[in-house]
Amino acid sequence: MPKQFVVAWNNRNATDLANLFDENAEFVNVVGLWWHNKADIFKAHDYGLKNLFSNSELSIRKVKTKFLSDDIAVVHARLHLEGQTEIKSQTPQARNTIFTFVVQKKKQGWICVSAHNTDIVPGKETNIVKQDNSIEAVDYRKR
């Protein structure tokens, strides 16, 4: 699943990416946007691959699979993203994420029924929401 996701992403092919998902799949992105079906997953990634990530490259750093049964598995993948689109004269730097795919074996093969992507923030333990409603990653060990 992670390999197919990366190939579709790097080809900027939102159709192939969405086809990895069940019709009623759930997808939560790194900022908590939550899509509830394949059509919305397609729409979000079609927009994102054209506007936010049009020159990006995604790569796999590590994959771990845990089978819950013969036909259901949880797949965690550490992914690396480079080349995110510049915004407000800022060039985004490379970042790493942990992707969780819940996959189910069906007649057509393995398909994703739920996915969640989380940014890795090195040296931090959690986020706090500040009084101005901005979010900051913090480390309570260094207070």
Protein backbone atom coordinates (compact mmCIF):
# COMPACT_ATOMS: atom_id res chain seq x y z
CA MET A 1 0.00 0.00 0.00
CA PRO A 2 2.67 2.60 0.86
CA LYS A 3 4.58 1.85 -2.35
CA GLN A 4 1.46 2.24 -4.50
CA PHE A 5 0.55 5.45 -2.66
CA VAL A 6 4.04 6.89 -3.26
CA VAL A 7 3.99 5.95 -6.96
CA ALA A 8 0.58 7.59 -7.48
CA TRP A 9 1.72 10.69 -5.53
CA ASN A 10 4.97 11.08 -7.46
CA ASN A 11 3.10 10.63 -10.75
CA ARG A 12 0.60 13.33 -9.63
CA ASN A 13 -2.16 10.85 -10.36
CA ALA A 14 -5.04 11.47 -7.98
CA THR A 15 -7.16 8.86 -9.76
CA ASP A 16 -4.62 6.09 -9.12
CA LEU A 17 -4.19 7.33 -5.55
CA ALA A 18 -7.94 7.35 -4.87
CA ASN A 19 -8.29 3.89 -6.41
CA LEU A 20 -6.21 2.52 -3.54
CA PHE A 21 -9.17 3.31 -1.26
CA ASP A 22 -12.53 1.68 -0.60
CA GLU A 23 -15.64 3.63 -1.66
CA ASN A 24 -16.38 4.51 1.99
CA ALA A 25 -12.80 4.90 3.19
CA GLU A 26 -11.79 7.41 5.84
CA PHE A 27 -8.70 9.63 5.47
CA VAL A 28 -7.28 12.11 7.99
CA ASN A 29 -4.46 14.35 6.81
CA VAL A 30 -1.64 15.99 8.80
CA VAL A 31 -3.74 18.97 9.90
CA GLY A 32 -6.82 16.94 10.77
CA LEU A 33 -8.85 17.42 7.60
CA TRP A 34 -11.08 14.36 7.43
CA TRP A 35 -12.50 12.86 4.25
CA HIS A 36 -15.18 10.18 4.41
CA ASN A 37 -15.19 8.52 0.99
CA LYS A 38 -13.13 7.76 -2.10
CA ALA A 39 -14.60 10.68 -4.08
CA ASP A 40 -13.57 13.20 -1.41
CA ILE A 41 -10.13 11.58 -1.08
CA PHE A 42 -9.73 11.99 -4.85
CA LYS A 43 -10.90 15.61 -4.79
CA ALA A 44 -8.56 16.57 -1.93
CA HIS A 45 -5.53 14.89 -3.48
CA ASP A 46 -6.28 16.14 -6.97
CA TYR A 47 -6.23 19.70 -5.57
CA GLY A 48 -3.22 19.04 -3.34
CA LEU A 49 -1.09 17.40 -6.02
CA LYS A 50 -1.76 20.32 -8.38
CA ASN A 51 -1.35 23.18 -5.90
CA LEU A 52 0.47 22.23 -2.70
CA PHE A 53 2.70 19.41 -3.91
CA SER A 54 3.07 19.90 -7.68
CA ASN A 55 6.87 19.47 -7.59
CA SER A 56 7.17 17.29 -4.53
CA GLU A 57 8.68 13.85 -4.18
CA LEU A 58 7.54 11.33 -1.64
CA SER A 59 9.73 8.41 -0.60
CA ILE A 60 9.45 5.50 1.82
CA ARG A 61 11.89 5.25 4.72
CA LYS A 62 10.37 2.35 6.72
CA VAL A 63 7.30 0.10 6.62
CA LYS A 64 5.88 -2.14 9.34
CA THR A 65 2.81 -4.34 8.87
CA LYS A 66 0.71 -5.91 11.60
CA PHE A 67 -1.88 -8.46 10.51
CA LEU A 68 -5.06 -8.38 12.58
CA SER A 69 -6.49 -11.31 10.62
CA ASP A 70 -5.85 -13.02 7.29
CA ASP A 71 -7.68 -10.21 5.50
CA ILE A 72 -7.10 -7.10 7.65
CA ALA A 73 -3.79 -5.38 8.39
CA VAL A 74 -2.46 -2.13 9.82
CA VAL A 75 0.45 -0.75 7.80
CA HIS A 76 2.62 2.00 9.26
CA ALA A 77 4.99 3.80 6.92
CA ARG A 78 7.55 6.47 7.62
CA LEU A 79 7.53 8.72 4.56
CA HIS A 80 9.80 11.57 3.51
CA LEU A 81 8.45 14.56 1.56
CA GLU A 82 10.55 17.08 -0.35
CA GLY A 83 9.64 19.88 -2.73
CA GLN A 84 6.40 21.18 -1.25
CA THR A 85 5.17 24.29 -3.10
CA GLU A 86 6.47 27.66 -1.91
CA ILE A 87 3.99 29.88 -0.08
CA LYS A 88 4.29 33.57 0.89
CA SER A 89 7.95 33.59 -0.21
CA GLN A 90 8.72 30.69 2.13
CA THR A 91 10.31 27.56 0.74
CA PRO A 92 9.07 24.58 2.77
CA GLN A 93 11.83 22.25 3.91
CA ALA A 94 11.71 18.47 3.75
CA ARG A 95 9.54 16.76 6.32
CA ASN A 96 8.85 13.27 7.58
CA THR A 97 5.51 11.72 8.39
CA ILE A 98 4.05 8.51 9.73
CA PHE A 99 1.25 7.16 7.60
CA THR A 100 -1.15 4.58 9.01
CA PHE A 101 -3.10 2.53 6.48
CA VAL A 102 -5.77 0.07 7.57
CA VAL A 103 -6.12 -2.33 4.66
CA GLN A 104 -8.56 -5.11 3.90
CA LYS A 105 -8.23 -7.97 1.44
CA LYS A 106 -11.22 -8.02 -0.88
CA LYS A 107 -12.00 -9.73 -4.21
CA GLN A 108 -9.98 -7.10 -6.13
CA GLY A 109 -7.03 -7.39 -3.73
CA TRP A 110 -5.85 -5.27 -0.81
CA ILE A 111 -7.65 -1.95 -0.45
CA CYS A 112 -7.33 0.83 2.10
CA VAL A 113 -10.36 1.37 4.32
CA SER A 114 -8.80 4.04 6.55
CA ALA A 115 -5.66 6.20 6.50
CA HIS A 116 -4.11 8.79 8.77
CA ASN A 117 -1.02 10.92 8.13
CA THR A 118 0.90 12.55 11.00
CA ASP A 119 3.87 14.91 10.80
CA ILE A 120 6.97 13.92 12.77
CA VAL A 121 8.25 16.87 14.81
CA PRO A 122 11.77 15.96 16.02
CA GLY A 123 12.46 16.58 19.69
CA LYS A 124 8.85 17.43 20.57
CA GLU A 125 6.28 15.54 22.65
CA THR A 126 2.96 17.21 21.88
CA ASN A 127 1.27 20.33 20.55
CA ILE A 128 -0.24 23.23 22.45
CA VAL A 129 -2.72 25.79 21.21
CA LYS A 130 -1.56 29.26 22.19
CA GLN A 131 -3.80 32.20 23.10
CA ASP A 132 -3.67 33.49 19.51
CA ASN A 133 -4.96 30.04 18.39
CA SER A 134 -1.66 29.15 16.70
CA ILE A 135 -0.29 25.67 17.33
CA GLU A 136 3.21 25.06 18.63
CA ALA A 137 5.02 21.77 19.05
CA VAL A 138 6.53 21.60 22.54
CA ASP A 139 8.67 19.40 24.77
CA TYR A 140 7.64 19.36 28.44
CA ARG A 141 11.00 17.83 29.40
CA LYS A 142 12.64 21.18 28.57
CA ARG A 143 10.36 23.58 30.46
